[in-house]
C-alpha atoms as a PDB file:
ATOM      1  CA  UNK A   1      33.060   7.723  85.626  1.00  0.00           C
ATOM      2  CA  UNK A   2      30.458   9.882  83.444  1.00  0.00           C
ATOM      3  CA  UNK A   3      31.839  13.045  84.482  1.00  0.00           C
ATOM      4  CA  UNK A   4      28.620  14.009  86.413  1.00  0.00           C
ATOM      5  CA  UNK A   5      29.602  16.279  89.306  1.00  0.00           C
ATOM      6  CA  UNK A   6      29.404  14.722  92.330  1.00  0.00           C
ATOM      7  CA  UNK A   7      27.285  16.486  95.160  1.00  0.00           C
ATOM      8  CA  UNK A   8      26.741  13.516  98.043  1.00  0.00           C
ATOM      9  CA  UNK A   9      28.686  14.422 101.187  1.00  0.00           C
ATOM     10  CA  UNK A  10      30.683  12.259 103.638  1.00  0.00           C
ATOM     11  CA  UNK A  11      27.116  10.671 104.899  1.00  0.00           C
ATOM     12  CA  UNK A  12      25.514  10.323 101.757  1.00  0.00           C
ATOM     13  CA  UNK A  13      23.317  13.307 101.627  1.00  0.00           C
ATOM     14  CA  UNK A  14      23.358  15.982  98.867  1.00  0.00           C
ATOM     15  CA  UNK A  15      24.852  18.995  99.874  1.00  0.00           C
ATOM     16  CA  UNK A  16      22.745  22.101 100.863  1.00  0.00           C
ATOM     17  CA  UNK A  17      23.345  25.423  98.551  1.00  0.00           C
ATOM     18  CA  UNK A  18      25.220  27.973  99.950  1.00  0.00           C
ATOM     19  CA  UNK A  19      23.665  31.159 100.084  1.00  0.00           C
ATOM     20  CA  UNK A  20      24.945  34.254  99.583  1.00  0.00           C
ATOM     21  CA  UNK A  21      22.952  37.570  99.887  1.00  0.00           C
ATOM     22  CA  UNK A  22      23.708  40.745  98.048  1.00  0.00           C
ATOM     23  CA  UNK A  23      22.763  43.305 100.438  1.00  0.00           C
ATOM     24  CA  UNK A  24      22.923  47.184 100.207  1.00  0.00           C
ATOM     25  CA  UNK A  25      26.175  46.842 101.669  1.00  0.00           C
ATOM     26  CA  UNK A  26      27.536  43.866  99.610  1.00  0.00           C
ATOM     27  CA  UNK A  27      26.515  46.309  96.531  1.00  0.00           C
ATOM     28  CA  UNK A  28      28.561  49.476  97.805  1.00  0.00           C
ATOM     29  CA  UNK A  29      31.483  47.492  98.828  1.00  0.00           C
ATOM     30  CA  UNK A  30      31.660  45.595  95.999  1.00  0.00           C
ATOM     31  CA  UNK A  31      31.602  49.202  93.531  1.00  0.00           C
ATOM     32  CA  UNK A  32      33.954  50.345  95.561  1.00  0.00           C
ATOM     33  CA  UNK A  33      36.284  47.566  94.822  1.00  0.00           C
ATOM     34  CA  UNK A  34      35.678  47.282  91.209  1.00  0.00           C
ATOM     35  CA  UNK A  35      36.321  51.638  90.849  1.00  0.00           C
ATOM     36  CA  UNK A  36      39.558  51.463  92.862  1.00  0.00           C
ATOM     37  CA  UNK A  37      40.567  48.819  90.315  1.00  0.00           C
ATOM     38  CA  UNK A  38      39.741  50.247  87.509  1.00  0.00           C
ATOM     39  CA  UNK A  39      40.305  53.768  88.220  1.00  0.00           C
ATOM     40  CA  UNK A  40      43.822  53.303  89.627  1.00  0.00           C
ATOM     41  CA  UNK A  41      44.559  52.048  85.758  1.00  0.00           C
ATOM     42  CA  UNK A  42      43.323  55.414  84.737  1.00  0.00           C
ATOM     43  CA  UNK A  43      44.942  57.730  87.494  1.00  0.00           C
ATOM     44  CA  UNK A  44      48.681  55.908  86.706  1.00  0.00           C
ATOM     45  CA  UNK A  45      48.295  56.051  83.185  1.00  0.00           C
ATOM     46  CA  UNK A  46      46.708  58.809  80.741  1.00  0.00           C
ATOM     47  CA  UNK A  47      45.421  60.693  84.009  1.00  0.00           C
ATOM     48  CA  UNK A  48      48.476  61.017  85.027  1.00  0.00           C
ATOM     49  CA  UNK A  49      50.030  62.149  81.522  1.00  0.00           C
ATOM     50  CA  UNK A  50      47.778  64.856  81.470  1.00  0.00           C
ATOM     51  CA  UNK A  51      48.203  66.361  84.386  1.00  0.00           C
ATOM     52  CA  UNK A  52      52.148  66.193  83.973  1.00  0.00           C
ATOM     53  CA  UNK A  53      51.170  68.141  80.609  1.00  0.00           C
ATOM     54  CA  UNK A  54      48.921  70.761  82.731  1.00  0.00           C
ATOM     55  CA  UNK A  55      51.809  71.185  85.479  1.00  0.00           C
ATOM     56  CA  UNK A  56      54.225  71.591  82.677  1.00  0.00           C
ATOM     57  CA  UNK A  57      52.401  74.304  80.654  1.00  0.00           C
ATOM     58  CA  UNK A  58      52.004  76.054  83.910  1.00  0.00           C
ATOM     59  CA  UNK A  59      54.960  75.780  85.225  1.00  0.00           C
ATOM     60  CA  UNK A  60      54.215  74.251  88.742  1.00  0.00           C
ATOM     61  CA  UNK A  61      55.669  71.559  90.899  1.00  0.00           C
ATOM     62  CA  UNK A  62      53.567  68.406  92.502  1.00  0.00           C
ATOM     63  CA  UNK A  63      52.660  69.477  95.921  1.00  0.00           C
ATOM     64  CA  UNK A  64      54.340  68.791  98.952  1.00  0.00           C
ATOM     65  CA  UNK A  65      51.568  67.322 100.917  1.00  0.00           C
ATOM     66  CA  UNK A  66      51.035  63.821 102.755  1.00  0.00           C
ATOM     67  CA  UNK A  67      49.801  60.816 100.370  1.00  0.00           C
ATOM     68  CA  UNK A  68      46.051  60.507 101.346  1.00  0.00           C
ATOM     69  CA  UNK A  69      43.889  57.351 100.125  1.00  0.00           C
ATOM     70  CA  UNK A  70      45.369  54.526  97.965  1.00  0.00           C
ATOM     71  CA  UNK A  71      47.641  57.021  96.222  1.00  0.00           C
ATOM     72  CA  UNK A  72      50.343  55.293  98.282  1.00  0.00           C
ATOM     73  CA  UNK A  73      50.227  52.244  96.662  1.00  0.00           C
ATOM     74  CA  UNK A  74      52.677  53.088  93.972  1.00  0.00           C
ATOM     75  CA  UNK A  75      55.458  55.870  92.732  1.00  0.00           C
ATOM     76  CA  UNK A  76      52.574  56.700  89.929  1.00  0.00           C
ATOM     77  CA  UNK A  77      49.737  57.083  91.915  1.00  0.00           C
ATOM     78  CA  UNK A  78      51.458  59.390  94.422  1.00  0.00           C
ATOM     79  CA  UNK A  79      52.970  61.485  91.569  1.00  0.00           C
ATOM     80  CA  UNK A  80      49.277  62.051  90.077  1.00  0.00           C
ATOM     81  CA  UNK A  81      48.109  62.403  93.687  1.00  0.00           C
ATOM     82  CA  UNK A  82      50.636  65.266  94.310  1.00  0.00           C
ATOM     83  CA  UNK A  83      50.083  66.941  90.735  1.00  0.00           C
ATOM     84  CA  UNK A  84      46.419  67.063  91.361  1.00  0.00           C
ATOM     85  CA  UNK A  85      47.013  68.580  94.614  1.00  0.00           C
ATOM     86  CA  UNK A  86      48.902  71.525  93.338  1.00  0.00           C
ATOM     87  CA  UNK A  87      46.565  71.800  90.303  1.00  0.00           C
ATOM     88  CA  UNK A  88      43.666  71.839  92.840  1.00  0.00           C
ATOM     89  CA  UNK A  89      45.084  75.006  94.069  1.00  0.00           C
ATOM     90  CA  UNK A  90      45.696  77.224  91.164  1.00  0.00           C
ATOM     91  CA  UNK A  91      43.109  80.151  90.584  1.00  0.00           C
ATOM     92  CA  UNK A  92      40.790  79.906  87.750  1.00  0.00           C
ATOM     93  CA  UNK A  93      42.538  82.848  85.771  1.00  0.00           C
ATOM     94  CA  UNK A  94      45.211  80.179  85.018  1.00  0.00           C
ATOM     95  CA  UNK A  95      42.609  78.479  82.212  1.00  0.00           C
ATOM     96  CA  UNK A  96      43.955  81.403  80.173  1.00  0.00           C
ATOM     97  CA  UNK A  97      47.439  79.533  79.647  1.00  0.00           C
ATOM     98  CA  UNK A  98      45.544  76.531  79.226  1.00  0.00           C
ATOM     99  CA  UNK A  99      43.039  77.059  76.538  1.00  0.00           C
ATOM    100  CA  UNK A 100      42.446  74.525  74.431  1.00  0.00           C
ATOM    101  CA  UNK A 101      44.824  72.594  75.759  1.00  0.00           C
ATOM    102  CA  UNK A 102      43.607  68.886  75.456  1.00  0.00           C
ATOM    103  CA  UNK A 103      45.066  67.212  78.128  1.00  0.00           C
ATOM    104  CA  UNK A 104      43.527  69.918  80.354  1.00  0.00           C
ATOM    105  CA  UNK A 105      40.052  69.336  79.214  1.00  0.00           C
ATOM    106  CA  UNK A 106      40.133  65.975  79.893  1.00  0.00           C
ATOM    107  CA  UNK A 107      41.214  66.904  83.451  1.00  0.00           C
ATOM    108  CA  UNK A 108      38.362  69.256  83.663  1.00  0.00           C
ATOM    109  CA  UNK A 109      36.052  66.459  82.548  1.00  0.00           C
ATOM    110  CA  UNK A 110      37.130  63.602  85.262  1.00  0.00           C
ATOM    111  CA  UNK A 111      37.184  65.883  88.095  1.00  0.00           C
ATOM    112  CA  UNK A 112      33.844  67.476  87.164  1.00  0.00           C
ATOM    113  CA  UNK A 113      32.124  64.071  86.764  1.00  0.00           C
ATOM    114  CA  UNK A 114      29.173  63.570  88.570  1.00  0.00           C
ATOM    115  CA  UNK A 115      30.824  60.262  89.870  1.00  0.00           C
ATOM    116  CA  UNK A 116      32.007  62.520  92.674  1.00  0.00           C
ATOM    117  CA  UNK A 117      29.250  64.630  93.729  1.00  0.00           C
ATOM    118  CA  UNK A 118      28.366  68.400  92.692  1.00  0.00           C
ATOM    119  CA  UNK A 119      30.755  70.511  90.728  1.00  0.00           C
ATOM    120  CA  UNK A 120      29.813  74.354  91.453  1.00  0.00           C
ATOM    121  CA  UNK A 121      31.239  76.435  88.078  1.00  0.00           C
ATOM    122  CA  UNK A 122      31.704  80.036  90.500  1.00  0.00           C
ATOM    123  CA  UNK A 123      34.656  78.181  91.965  1.00  0.00           C
ATOM    124  CA  UNK A 124      37.597  80.143  91.684  1.00  0.00           C
ATOM    125  CA  UNK A 125      39.922  77.315  91.569  1.00  0.00           C
ATOM    126  CA  UNK A 126      41.374  75.705  88.152  1.00  0.00           C
ATOM    127  CA  UNK A 127      40.034  72.111  88.956  1.00  0.00           C
ATOM    128  CA  UNK A 128      36.514  71.458  90.373  1.00  0.00           C
ATOM    129  CA  UNK A 129      36.452  69.983  93.536  1.00  0.00           C
ATOM    130  CA  UNK A 130      32.871  68.286  93.684  1.00  0.00           C
ATOM    131  CA  UNK A 131      30.535  68.402  96.897  1.00  0.00           C
ATOM    132  CA  UNK A 132      29.172  65.136  97.950  1.00  0.00           C
ATOM    133  CA  UNK A 133      26.460  64.707 100.815  1.00  0.00           C
ATOM    134  CA  UNK A 134      29.073  64.498 103.469  1.00  0.00           C
ATOM    135  CA  UNK A 135      30.290  67.361 102.692  1.00  0.00           C
ATOM    136  CA  UNK A 136      26.802  69.374 102.631  1.00  0.00           C
ATOM    137  CA  UNK A 137      26.347  67.727 106.271  1.00  0.00           C
ATOM    138  CA  UNK A 138      29.499  69.025 107.797  1.00  0.00           C
ATOM    139  CA  UNK A 139      28.389  72.135 106.414  1.00  0.00           C
ATOM    140  CA  UNK A 140      25.046  71.903 107.917  1.00  0.00           C
ATOM    141  CA  UNK A 141      26.467  71.699 111.747  1.00  0.00           C
ATOM    142  CA  UNK A 142      28.869  73.681 114.040  1.00  0.00           C
ATOM    143  CA  UNK A 143      31.950  71.865 114.655  1.00  0.00           C
ATOM    144  CA  UNK A 144      31.426  71.495 118.107  1.00  0.00           C
ATOM    145  CA  UNK A 145      28.239  68.725 116.947  1.00  0.00           C
ATOM    146  CA  UNK A 146      30.425  66.691 114.886  1.00  0.00           C
ATOM    147  CA  UNK A 147      29.908  62.753 115.217  1.00  0.00           C
ATOM    148  CA  UNK A 148      29.480  60.040 113.081  1.00  0.00           C
ATOM    149  CA  UNK A 149      25.895  59.503 114.969  1.00  0.00           C
ATOM    150  CA  UNK A 150      25.055  63.265 113.956  1.00  0.00           C
ATOM    151  CA  UNK A 151      26.735  63.157 110.746  1.00  0.00           C
ATOM    152  CA  UNK A 152      25.944  59.929 108.890  1.00  0.00           C
ATOM    153  CA  UNK A 153      21.800  60.226 108.991  1.00  0.00           C
ATOM    154  CA  UNK A 154      22.635  64.267 107.642  1.00  0.00           C
ATOM    155  CA  UNK A 155      24.316  62.369 104.844  1.00  0.00           C
ATOM    156  CA  UNK A 156      21.804  60.195 103.949  1.00  0.00           C
ATOM    157  CA  UNK A 157      18.921  62.871 104.123  1.00  0.00           C
ATOM    158  CA  UNK A 158      21.201  64.937 101.711  1.00  0.00           C
ATOM    159  CA  UNK A 159      21.399  61.825  99.719  1.00  0.00           C
ATOM    160  CA  UNK A 160      17.732  61.082  99.462  1.00  0.00           C
ATOM    161  CA  UNK A 161      16.876  64.553  98.273  1.00  0.00           C
ATOM    162  CA  UNK A 162      19.626  65.300  96.300  1.00  0.00           C
ATOM    163  CA  UNK A 163      19.182  62.310  94.077  1.00  0.00           C
ATOM    164  CA  UNK A 164      23.116  62.194  94.401  1.00  0.00           C
ATOM    165  CA  UNK A 165      24.610  58.865  92.456  1.00  0.00           C
ATOM    166  CA  UNK A 166      28.263  59.839  93.166  1.00  0.00           C
ATOM    167  CA  UNK A 167      30.663  57.242  94.897  1.00  0.00           C
ATOM    168  CA  UNK A 168      29.958  58.883  98.475  1.00  0.00           C
ATOM    169  CA  UNK A 169      26.421  59.714  97.932  1.00  0.00           C
ATOM    170  CA  UNK A 170      25.815  55.782  97.408  1.00  0.00           C
ATOM    171  CA  UNK A 171      27.367  55.120 100.457  1.00  0.00           C
ATOM    172  CA  UNK A 172      25.564  57.996 102.319  1.00  0.00           C
ATOM    173  CA  UNK A 173      22.042  57.104 100.910  1.00  0.00           C
ATOM    174  CA  UNK A 174      22.739  53.919 103.035  1.00  0.00           C
ATOM    175  CA  UNK A 175      23.418  56.240 106.652  1.00  0.00           C
ATOM    176  CA  UNK A 176      25.992  53.703 107.375  1.00  0.00           C
ATOM    177  CA  UNK A 177      29.059  55.607 108.426  1.00  0.00           C
ATOM    178  CA  UNK A 178      31.681  52.614 107.949  1.00  0.00           C
ATOM    179  CA  UNK A 179      30.601  52.859 104.245  1.00  0.00           C
ATOM    180  CA  UNK A 180      30.931  56.775 103.954  1.00  0.00           C
ATOM    181  CA  UNK A 181      34.011  56.803 105.378  1.00  0.00           C
ATOM    182  CA  UNK A 182      35.746  54.060 102.826  1.00  0.00           C
ATOM    183  CA  UNK A 183      34.310  55.121 100.393  1.00  0.00           C
ATOM    184  CA  UNK A 184      35.315  58.753 101.059  1.00  0.00           C
ATOM    185  CA  UNK A 185      38.989  57.363 101.348  1.00  0.00           C
ATOM    186  CA  UNK A 186      38.558  56.142  98.162  1.00  0.00           C
ATOM    187  CA  UNK A 187      37.464  59.373  96.658  1.00  0.00           C
ATOM    188  CA  UNK A 188      39.596  61.469  99.045  1.00  0.00           C
ATOM    189  CA  UNK A 189      41.758  63.015  96.005  1.00  0.00           C
ATOM    190  CA  UNK A 190      38.188  64.736  94.183  1.00  0.00           C
ATOM    191  CA  UNK A 191      35.488  65.310  96.952  1.00  0.00           C
ATOM    192  CA  UNK A 192      34.909  68.090  99.303  1.00  0.00           C
ATOM    193  CA  UNK A 193      33.529  29.574 106.294  1.00  0.00           C
ATOM    194  CA  UNK A 194      32.183  26.398 105.741  1.00  0.00           C
ATOM    195  CA  UNK A 195      33.926  23.331 105.563  1.00  0.00           C
ATOM    196  CA  UNK A 196      34.300  22.396 101.965  1.00  0.00           C
ATOM    197  CA  UNK A 197      35.194  18.105 101.761  1.00  0.00           C
ATOM    198  CA  UNK A 198      36.519  16.267  98.887  1.00  0.00           C
ATOM    199  CA  UNK A 199      33.530  15.406  97.753  1.00  0.00           C
ATOM    200  CA  UNK A 200      33.083  18.632  95.765  1.00  0.00           C
ATOM    201  CA  UNK A 201      31.636  22.166  96.319  1.00  0.00           C
ATOM    202  CA  UNK A 202      28.073  22.978  96.977  1.00  0.00           C
ATOM    203  CA  UNK A 203      26.251  24.833  94.896  1.00  0.00           C
ATOM    204  CA  UNK A 204      26.227  28.884  95.435  1.00  0.00           C
ATOM    205  CA  UNK A 205      23.341  30.743  95.292  1.00  0.00           C
ATOM    206  CA  UNK A 206      23.245  34.368  95.341  1.00  0.00           C
ATOM    207  CA  UNK A 207      19.908  36.084  95.998  1.00  0.00           C
ATOM    208  CA  UNK A 208      19.678  39.951  95.659  1.00  0.00           C
ATOM    209  CA  UNK A 209      18.859  42.360  98.849  1.00  0.00           C
ATOM    210  CA  UNK A 210      19.770  45.645  97.351  1.00  0.00           C
ATOM    211  CA  UNK A 211      17.363  48.290  98.120  1.00  0.00           C
ATOM    212  CA  UNK A 212      15.739  49.305  94.517  1.00  0.00           C
ATOM    213  CA  UNK A 213      16.638  52.777  94.749  1.00  0.00           C
ATOM    214  CA  UNK A 214      20.453  52.971  95.474  1.00  0.00           C
ATOM    215  CA  UNK A 215      20.830  50.014  92.752  1.00  0.00           C
ATOM    216  CA  UNK A 216      19.411  52.633  90.435  1.00  0.00           C
ATOM    217  CA  UNK A 217      21.586  55.296  91.531  1.00  0.00           C
ATOM    218  CA  UNK A 218      24.694  52.750  91.814  1.00  0.00           C
ATOM    219  CA  UNK A 219      23.985  51.834  87.692  1.00  0.00           C
ATOM    220  CA  UNK A 220      24.199  56.017  86.933  1.00  0.00           C
ATOM    221  CA  UNK A 221      27.328  55.692  88.603  1.00  0.00           C
ATOM    222  CA  UNK A 222      28.944  52.622  86.522  1.00  0.00           C
ATOM    223  CA  UNK A 223      27.473  54.144  83.571  1.00  0.00           C
ATOM    224  CA  UNK A 224      28.833  57.629  83.892  1.00  0.00           C
ATOM    225  CA  UNK A 225      32.304  55.888  84.608  1.00  0.00           C
ATOM    226  CA  UNK A 226      32.042  53.749  81.648  1.00  0.00           C
ATOM    227  CA  UNK A 227      31.454  56.502  79.706  1.00  0.00           C
ATOM    228  CA  UNK A 228      33.747  58.846  80.900  1.00  0.00           C
ATOM    229  CA  UNK A 229      36.742  56.061  80.379  1.00  0.00           C
ATOM    230  CA  UNK A 230      35.359  53.700  77.449  1.00  0.00           C
ATOM    231  CA  UNK A 231      35.521  51.145  80.749  1.00  0.00           C
ATOM    232  CA  UNK A 232      33.189  48.163  81.365  1.00  0.00           C
ATOM    233  CA  UNK A 233      32.522  47.914  84.885  1.00  0.00           C
ATOM    234  CA  UNK A 234      30.127  45.746  85.272  1.00  0.00           C
ATOM    235  CA  UNK A 235      26.459  47.035  86.496  1.00  0.00           C
ATOM    236  CA  UNK A 236      24.752  46.319  89.387  1.00  0.00           C
ATOM    237  CA  UNK A 237      22.379  43.789  88.736  1.00  0.00           C
ATOM    238  CA  UNK A 238      20.779  40.641  89.895  1.00  0.00           C
ATOM    239  CA  UNK A 239      22.676  39.259  87.045  1.00  0.00           C
ATOM    240  CA  UNK A 240      26.026  40.188  88.210  1.00  0.00           C
ATOM    241  CA  UNK A 241      25.183  39.245  91.869  1.00  0.00           C
ATOM    242  CA  UNK A 242      28.181  36.562  91.632  1.00  0.00           C
ATOM    243  CA  UNK A 243      30.775  39.991  90.306  1.00  0.00           C
ATOM    244  CA  UNK A 244      29.774  42.447  93.544  1.00  0.00           C
ATOM    245  CA  UNK A 245      29.714  39.428  95.807  1.00  0.00           C
ATOM    246  CA  UNK A 246      33.863  38.730  94.640  1.00  0.00           C
ATOM    247  CA  UNK A 247      34.373  42.069  94.588  1.00  0.00           C
ATOM    248  CA  UNK A 248      33.066  42.842  98.443  1.00  0.00           C
ATOM    249  CA  UNK A 249      35.016  40.102  99.460  1.00  0.00           C
ATOM    250  CA  UNK A 250      38.130  41.607  98.173  1.00  0.00           C
ATOM    251  CA  UNK A 251      37.790  45.074  99.631  1.00  0.00           C
ATOM    252  CA  UNK A 252      40.065  45.980 102.029  1.00  0.00           C
ATOM    253  CA  UNK A 253      38.351  48.337 104.283  1.00  0.00           C
ATOM    254  CA  UNK A 254      39.868  48.129 108.163  1.00  0.00           C
ATOM    255  CA  UNK A 255      41.965  51.052 108.764  1.00  0.00           C
ATOM    256  CA  UNK A 256      40.938  53.229 106.169  1.00  0.00           C
ATOM    257  CA  UNK A 257      41.036  57.006 107.815  1.00  0.00           C
ATOM    258  CA  UNK A 258      39.972  60.041 105.445  1.00  0.00           C
ATOM    259  CA  UNK A 259      39.971  63.565 106.644  1.00  0.00           C
ATOM    260  CA  UNK A 260      36.797  65.280 105.990  1.00  0.00           C
ATOM    261  CA  UNK A 261      36.984  68.406 107.636  1.00  0.00           C
ATOM    262  CA  UNK A 262      39.348  71.586 108.578  1.00  0.00           C
ATOM    263  CA  UNK A 263      38.794  73.924 111.278  1.00  0.00           C
ATOM    264  CA  UNK A 264      42.123  76.590 111.381  1.00  0.00           C
ATOM    265  CA  UNK A 265      40.517  78.522 114.482  1.00  0.00           C
ATOM    266  CA  UNK A 266      40.629  75.130 116.233  1.00  0.00           C
ATOM    267  CA  UNK A 267      43.841  74.659 118.042  1.00  0.00           C
ATOM    268  CA  UNK A 268      45.701  72.930 118.065  1.00  0.00           C
ATOM    269  CA  UNK A 269      43.775  69.821 116.887  1.00  0.00           C
ATOM    270  CA  UNK A 270      41.994  71.244 113.679  1.00  0.00           C
ATOM    271  CA  UNK A 271      41.437  68.182 111.345  1.00  0.00           C
ATOM    272  CA  UNK A 272      38.597  66.095 111.723  1.00  0.00           C
ATOM    273  CA  UNK A 273      38.789  62.870 110.525  1.00  0.00           C
ATOM    274  CA  UNK A 274      36.859  59.207 110.448  1.00  0.00           C
ATOM    275  CA  UNK A 275      38.112  55.881 110.218  1.00  0.00           C
ATOM    276  CA  UNK A 276      37.343  52.152 109.710  1.00  0.00           C
ATOM    277  CA  UNK A 277      37.415  49.676 112.010  1.00  0.00           C
ATOM    278  CA  UNK A 278      36.481  46.211 111.789  1.00  0.00           C
ATOM    279  CA  UNK A 279      35.116  45.000 115.008  1.00  0.00           C
ATOM    280  CA  UNK A 280      35.425  40.480 116.289  1.00  0.00           C
ATOM    281  CA  UNK A 281      31.967  40.464 115.178  1.00  0.00           C
ATOM    282  CA  UNK A 282      32.675  41.292 111.392  1.00  0.00           C
ATOM    283  CA  UNK A 283      31.172  44.879 111.535  1.00  0.00           C
ATOM    284  CA  UNK A 284      32.439  47.726 110.431  1.00  0.00           C
ATOM    285  CA  UNK A 285      32.391  50.723 112.960  1.00  0.00           C
ATOM    286  CA  UNK A 286      33.846  54.465 112.531  1.00  0.00           C
ATOM    287  CA  UNK A 287      36.163  56.312 114.737  1.00  0.00           C
ATOM    288  CA  UNK A 288      35.904  59.845 114.294  1.00  0.00           C
ATOM    289  CA  UNK A 289      38.610  62.215 115.595  1.00  0.00           C
ATOM    290  CA  UNK A 290      40.237  65.773 115.818  1.00  0.00           C
ATOM    291  CA  UNK A 291      43.855  65.579 115.002  1.00  0.00           C
ATOM    292  CA  UNK A 292      47.014  68.337 114.757  1.00  0.00           C
ATOM    293  CA  UNK A 293      48.380  66.517 111.695  1.00  0.00           C
ATOM    294  CA  UNK A 294      46.363  64.838 108.727  1.00  0.00           C
ATOM    295  CA  UNK A 295      46.145  61.549 109.427  1.00  0.00           C
ATOM    296  CA  UNK A 296      46.281  59.061 106.295  1.00  0.00           C
ATOM    297  CA  UNK A 297      45.224  55.883 105.982  1.00  0.00           C
ATOM    298  CA  UNK A 298      48.737  54.744 106.017  1.00  0.00           C
ATOM    299  CA  UNK A 299      49.717  56.731 109.124  1.00  0.00           C
ATOM    300  CA  UNK A 300      46.566  55.773 111.188  1.00  0.00           C
ATOM    301  CA  UNK A 301      47.128  51.772 110.431  1.00  0.00           C
ATOM    302  CA  UNK A 302      50.581  52.213 111.809  1.00  0.00           C
ATOM    303  CA  UNK A 303      50.055  54.149 114.626  1.00  0.00           C
ATOM    304  CA  UNK A 304      46.463  53.803 116.140  1.00  0.00           C
ATOM    305  CA  UNK A 305      45.179  51.031 118.380  1.00  0.00           C
ATOM    306  CA  UNK A 306      42.016  50.427 116.619  1.00  0.00           C
ATOM    307  CA  UNK A 307      38.806  49.984 119.432  1.00  0.00           C
ATOM    308  CA  UNK A 308      38.099  47.056 120.945  1.00  0.00           C
ATOM    309  CA  UNK A 309      34.316  46.078 120.288  1.00  0.00           C
ATOM    310  CA  UNK A 310      32.307  42.892 120.590  1.00  0.00           C
END
């Protein structure tokens, strides 16, 4: 044999190319997976060291709170989550003790980055908690009107008007409640088959069908992330279509749950959540619910019977 790739099928015909279309959903969930993978490394190493130093300087202990999002995956991530939650509760007056401390300046730089939304300098807290489009949508409605159907379009309007290119902002731009839930769960700490025969595989063709404005905003997000961490997450572009396709395929979204609002006057169910589930048709849907306790992804996956949709 001369090494030429065999492209004939069982019946002797040439194989049709396998078309993989990069849609808005593929782009957003692919970026989410690339971000989560990279961010876990930074949070488990550099950022954890910074949080430990700042907590020691202030004489505070990690917060005793439920571990949300992916932070329950490893002890290091859980420790980082609890330390940041503790530091977020500290008032801005604590800055006097931390003046010039490199580790605090790094944490402040990360938590105020546009990756997570808009930060307001007048907040009386040690670390900023940026506001994303979903946050603004929540604040524009009374809690009695909260639903995926009302909030997702509002979040989209905010994202369009503001030009927000945060992680949640990219999802909000699509108006897809499942994407908003999935990426909000990722940013929870910082935000307010064709048979392949023995004759080889068909050629794969990728088609880029991403909204141009969404792609531009996603590129801003990636550039901000890479500058902030000196990292190399691939830019969202047609040239990197295969990377985003594989990242989208590897991303696990079913079962993600995130608390997005809290109403202390509503008793007993005062925590408002969104949770993603995948129906039999492969589409992602969102269940919204109020609960007395804070439901995390791990708790929801272990206790909730996912709604059955066709």
